[in-house]
Amino acid sequence: AEEGIVAGGGTALAKASKAIENFSSSNKDKELGAKIVYNACKYPLKQIAYNAGYEGTLVLEKVYENQDKNYGFDAGAGEYKEMVKAGIIDPTKVVRTALQNAASAAGTMLTAEALIAELPEKKDKAPTPTDMPPDFD
């Protein structure tokens, strides 16, 4: 392993966000950037919990307040546990690189004069049984 492993399931990023929780700077752009990274680091854990049918904000709070860096939420089992011992891990290099790339993209957006983006396509609602073709059986 090149750089080792960290607790998976969004745990490592959520715990790492504590390092910048109270970041302050005379440079307001840096402060804004730190706040964006702080919030973004907590998002994967919340989203994994939501996707598994749990209240992501509550899961995040419980994981965040525990001092053990490997304490996280096993969304598959619906249990809080020591993630590394449970085999729920992420390669450190992957997590670090994703964070660096996200920070770089955020920095580019903060310093850009303008951004161009596509609006998401509006998706029609799923067809109801009455919308099905007549030969659907």
Protein backbone atom coordinates (compact mmCIF):
# COMPACT_ATOMS: atom_id res chain seq x y z
CA ALA A 1 0.00 0.00 0.00
CA GLU A 2 1.47 3.27 -1.16
CA GLU A 3 -0.11 5.56 1.44
CA GLY A 4 -2.13 3.17 3.54
CA ILE A 5 -5.82 3.11 4.32
CA VAL A 6 -8.35 5.21 6.19
CA ALA A 7 -11.78 4.50 7.62
CA GLY A 8 -14.26 4.24 4.77
CA GLY A 9 -17.88 5.18 4.32
CA GLY A 10 -17.11 8.89 4.38
CA THR A 11 -15.74 8.62 7.92
CA ALA A 12 -12.19 9.81 7.19
CA LEU A 13 -13.32 12.95 5.37
CA ALA A 14 -15.89 13.81 8.04
CA LYS A 15 -13.27 13.44 10.77
CA ALA A 16 -10.70 15.39 8.72
CA SER A 17 -13.10 18.31 8.43
CA LYS A 18 -12.56 18.97 12.15
CA ALA A 19 -9.10 20.29 11.27
CA ILE A 20 -10.63 23.27 9.46
CA GLU A 21 -13.82 23.70 11.49
CA ASN A 22 -12.63 26.92 13.12
CA PHE A 23 -10.34 28.17 10.34
CA SER A 24 -10.08 31.92 10.18
CA SER A 25 -8.09 34.22 7.97
CA SER A 26 -7.89 37.89 7.17
CA ASN A 27 -8.35 36.76 3.56
CA LYS A 28 -12.11 36.28 3.16
CA ASP A 29 -11.68 34.18 0.00
CA LYS A 30 -9.54 31.69 1.94
CA GLU A 31 -12.11 31.65 4.72
CA LEU A 32 -14.90 30.97 2.23
CA GLY A 33 -12.85 28.24 0.57
CA ALA A 34 -12.20 26.57 3.93
CA LYS A 35 -15.90 26.70 4.76
CA ILE A 36 -16.77 25.08 1.43
CA VAL A 37 -14.21 22.30 1.96
CA TYR A 38 -15.39 21.86 5.57
CA ASN A 39 -18.99 21.32 4.45
CA ALA A 40 -18.03 19.19 1.45
CA CYS A 41 -15.97 16.81 3.60
CA LYS A 42 -19.01 15.97 5.69
CA TYR A 43 -21.29 15.38 2.71
CA PRO A 44 -20.25 11.84 1.64
CA LEU A 45 -21.05 10.36 5.06
CA LYS A 46 -24.41 12.13 5.14
CA GLN A 47 -25.28 11.01 1.61
CA ILE A 48 -24.30 7.39 2.24
CA ALA A 49 -26.58 7.38 5.30
CA TYR A 50 -29.46 8.97 3.36
CA ASN A 51 -29.02 6.47 0.52
CA ALA A 52 -29.32 3.63 3.03
CA GLY A 53 -32.52 5.11 4.49
CA TYR A 54 -31.08 6.83 7.56
CA GLU A 55 -31.12 10.47 8.66
CA GLY A 56 -27.74 11.66 7.38
CA THR A 57 -27.47 14.69 9.64
CA LEU A 58 -28.02 12.61 12.78
CA VAL A 59 -25.56 9.96 11.62
CA LEU A 60 -22.96 12.64 10.92
CA GLU A 61 -23.42 14.20 14.36
CA LYS A 62 -22.95 10.87 16.13
CA VAL A 63 -19.83 10.00 14.11
CA TYR A 64 -18.44 13.52 14.34
CA GLU A 65 -18.71 13.75 18.14
CA ASN A 66 -16.88 10.44 18.72
CA GLN A 67 -13.14 10.97 19.27
CA ASP A 68 -12.04 7.67 17.67
CA LYS A 69 -10.83 8.53 14.15
CA ASN A 70 -12.04 5.15 12.85
CA TYR A 71 -15.52 5.28 14.43
CA GLY A 72 -18.11 5.47 11.69
CA PHE A 73 -21.43 4.27 10.38
CA ASP A 74 -21.81 0.95 8.58
CA ALA A 75 -24.76 1.87 6.36
CA GLY A 76 -25.20 -1.72 5.18
CA ALA A 77 -25.72 -3.00 8.70
CA GLY A 78 -27.20 0.19 10.14
CA GLU A 79 -24.62 0.16 12.94
CA TYR A 80 -21.94 2.43 14.32
CA LYS A 81 -18.61 0.67 14.57
CA GLU A 82 -14.83 0.79 14.23
CA MET A 83 -14.68 0.94 10.44
CA VAL A 84 -11.14 -0.33 9.83
CA LYS A 85 -11.69 -3.39 12.03
CA ALA A 86 -14.95 -4.01 10.16
CA GLY A 87 -13.08 -3.89 6.84
CA ILE A 88 -14.82 -0.71 5.67
CA ILE A 89 -11.82 1.16 4.30
CA ASP A 90 -10.70 3.53 1.58
CA PRO A 91 -7.19 3.89 0.16
CA THR A 92 -5.65 7.06 1.60
CA LYS A 93 -4.32 8.08 -1.80
CA VAL A 94 -7.79 7.97 -3.36
CA VAL A 95 -9.36 10.07 -0.59
CA ARG A 96 -6.47 12.56 -0.60
CA THR A 97 -6.48 12.93 -4.39
CA ALA A 98 -10.26 13.41 -4.51
CA LEU A 99 -10.02 16.12 -1.85
CA GLN A 100 -7.13 17.87 -3.60
CA ASN A 101 -8.93 17.81 -6.95
CA ALA A 102 -12.14 19.13 -5.40
CA ALA A 103 -10.25 21.92 -3.64
CA SER A 104 -8.49 22.81 -6.88
CA ALA A 105 -11.79 22.97 -8.77
CA ALA A 106 -13.35 25.08 -6.01
CA GLY A 107 -10.36 27.42 -6.10
CA THR A 108 -10.70 27.82 -9.84
CA MET A 109 -14.38 28.64 -9.47
CA LEU A 110 -13.71 31.19 -6.73
CA THR A 111 -11.15 33.05 -8.83
CA ALA A 112 -12.95 32.83 -12.18
CA GLU A 113 -14.63 35.90 -13.62
CA ALA A 114 -17.47 33.77 -14.96
CA LEU A 115 -18.58 30.15 -15.08
CA ILE A 116 -20.48 28.39 -17.83
CA ALA A 117 -22.61 25.41 -16.91
CA GLU A 118 -25.37 23.35 -18.45
CA LEU A 119 -28.77 23.27 -16.85
CA PRO A 120 -29.76 19.74 -15.94
CA GLU A 121 -32.32 18.17 -18.25
CA LYS A 122 -35.82 18.09 -16.87
CA LYS A 123 -36.77 14.49 -16.36
CA ASP A 124 -40.33 13.39 -16.86
CA LYS A 125 -41.91 11.53 -14.02
CA ALA A 126 -41.84 7.76 -14.20
CA PRO A 127 -44.60 6.29 -16.36
CA THR A 128 -47.68 5.13 -14.52
CA PRO A 129 -49.34 1.82 -15.44
CA THR A 130 -51.89 3.73 -17.55
CA ASP A 131 -49.04 5.28 -19.55
CA MET A 132 -47.69 1.87 -20.55
CA PRO A 133 -48.10 0.75 -24.14
CA PRO A 134 -51.10 -1.57 -24.66
CA ASP A 135 -48.91 -4.54 -25.67
CA PHE A 136 -46.94 -4.42 -22.40
CA ASP A 137 -47.49 -7.80 -20.76
